[in-house]
Amino acid sequence: MLDALPQDRNTRYIREVLVATGALPQGQENLARLELWVKETVENLPSHQARIIRPFAE
């Protein structure tokens, strides 16, 4: 559910607190942020650009 929220500094802070307290497992936070960024970025591209970029980004 946390990934569905806007990924701003507040959400990142909450995630860091949950990881620090053990409520969430520590993972590849940088990779997770990159995956979310790619998803949002590709969704905002025109379809002809997204079709080309999506395979490389994912």
C-alpha atoms as a PDB file:
ATOM      1  CA  MET A   1       0.000   0.000   0.000  1.00  0.00           C
ATOM      2  CA  LEU A   2       2.898   2.333   0.690  1.00  0.00           C
ATOM      3  CA  ASP A   3       4.036   2.078  -2.926  1.00  0.00           C
ATOM      4  CA  ALA A   4       0.617   3.284  -4.118  1.00  0.00           C
ATOM      5  CA  LEU A   5       1.029   6.624  -2.320  1.00  0.00           C
ATOM      6  CA  PRO A   6       2.710   9.619  -3.952  1.00  0.00           C
ATOM      7  CA  GLN A   7       6.427   9.081  -3.507  1.00  0.00           C
ATOM      8  CA  ASP A   8       7.389  12.333  -1.875  1.00  0.00           C
ATOM      9  CA  ARG A   9       9.706  13.029   1.048  1.00  0.00           C
ATOM     10  CA  ASN A  10       6.967  12.256   3.575  1.00  0.00           C
ATOM     11  CA  THR A  11       6.333   8.799   2.150  1.00  0.00           C
ATOM     12  CA  ARG A  12      10.059   8.081   2.004  1.00  0.00           C
ATOM     13  CA  TYR A  13      10.397   9.158   5.643  1.00  0.00           C
ATOM     14  CA  ILE A  14       7.573   6.862   6.754  1.00  0.00           C
ATOM     15  CA  ARG A  15       9.143   3.980   4.827  1.00  0.00           C
ATOM     16  CA  GLU A  16      12.520   4.648   6.481  1.00  0.00           C
ATOM     17  CA  VAL A  17      10.888   4.695   9.929  1.00  0.00           C
ATOM     18  CA  LEU A  18       9.042   1.431   9.240  1.00  0.00           C
ATOM     19  CA  VAL A  19      12.263  -0.215   8.058  1.00  0.00           C
ATOM     20  CA  ALA A  20      14.225   1.123  11.034  1.00  0.00           C
ATOM     21  CA  THR A  21      11.664  -0.233  13.500  1.00  0.00           C
ATOM     22  CA  GLY A  22      11.474  -3.615  11.786  1.00  0.00           C
ATOM     23  CA  ALA A  23       7.877  -3.229  10.595  1.00  0.00           C
ATOM     24  CA  LEU A  24       9.101  -3.515   7.002  1.00  0.00           C
ATOM     25  CA  PRO A  25      12.005  -5.655   5.903  1.00  0.00           C
ATOM     26  CA  GLN A  26      15.110  -3.837   4.810  1.00  0.00           C
ATOM     27  CA  GLY A  27      15.409  -4.144   1.104  1.00  0.00           C
ATOM     28  CA  GLN A  28      16.792  -2.539  -1.927  1.00  0.00           C
ATOM     29  CA  GLU A  29      15.249   0.870  -1.267  1.00  0.00           C
ATOM     30  CA  ASN A  30      17.127   2.606  -4.078  1.00  0.00           C
ATOM     31  CA  LEU A  31      16.017  -0.043  -6.553  1.00  0.00           C
ATOM     32  CA  ALA A  32      12.425   0.196  -5.337  1.00  0.00           C
ATOM     33  CA  ARG A  33      12.467   3.988  -5.766  1.00  0.00           C
ATOM     34  CA  LEU A  34      13.929   3.609  -9.250  1.00  0.00           C
ATOM     35  CA  GLU A  35      11.228   1.125 -10.233  1.00  0.00           C
ATOM     36  CA  LEU A  36       8.495   3.495  -9.058  1.00  0.00           C
ATOM     37  CA  TRP A  37      10.117   6.411 -10.875  1.00  0.00           C
ATOM     38  CA  VAL A  38      10.337   4.414 -14.116  1.00  0.00           C
ATOM     39  CA  LYS A  39       6.695   3.370 -13.829  1.00  0.00           C
ATOM     40  CA  GLU A  40       5.508   6.943 -13.304  1.00  0.00           C
ATOM     41  CA  THR A  41       7.768   8.359 -16.002  1.00  0.00           C
ATOM     42  CA  VAL A  42       6.835   5.824 -18.683  1.00  0.00           C
ATOM     43  CA  GLU A  43       3.122   6.227 -17.937  1.00  0.00           C
ATOM     44  CA  ASN A  44       3.403   9.955 -18.669  1.00  0.00           C
ATOM     45  CA  LEU A  45       5.072   9.491 -22.036  1.00  0.00           C
ATOM     46  CA  PRO A  46       3.226   9.438 -25.344  1.00  0.00           C
ATOM     47  CA  SER A  47       2.435   5.851 -26.332  1.00  0.00           C
ATOM     48  CA  HIS A  48       4.910   5.761 -29.243  1.00  0.00           C
ATOM     49  CA  GLN A  49       7.745   6.759 -26.869  1.00  0.00           C
ATOM     50  CA  ALA A  50       6.617   4.516 -24.014  1.00  0.00           C
ATOM     51  CA  ARG A  51       6.548   1.506 -26.368  1.00  0.00           C
ATOM     52  CA  ILE A  52      10.245   2.041 -27.121  1.00  0.00           C
ATOM     53  CA  ILE A  53      11.468   3.028 -23.659  1.00  0.00           C
ATOM     54  CA  ARG A  54       9.495   0.572 -21.473  1.00  0.00           C
ATOM     55  CA  PRO A  55      11.491  -2.580 -22.406  1.00  0.00           C
ATOM     56  CA  PHE A  56      14.790  -0.860 -21.618  1.00  0.00           C
ATOM     57  CA  ALA A  57      13.571   0.747 -18.406  1.00  0.00           C
ATOM     58  CA  GLU A  58      12.061  -2.428 -17.018  1.00  0.00           C
END
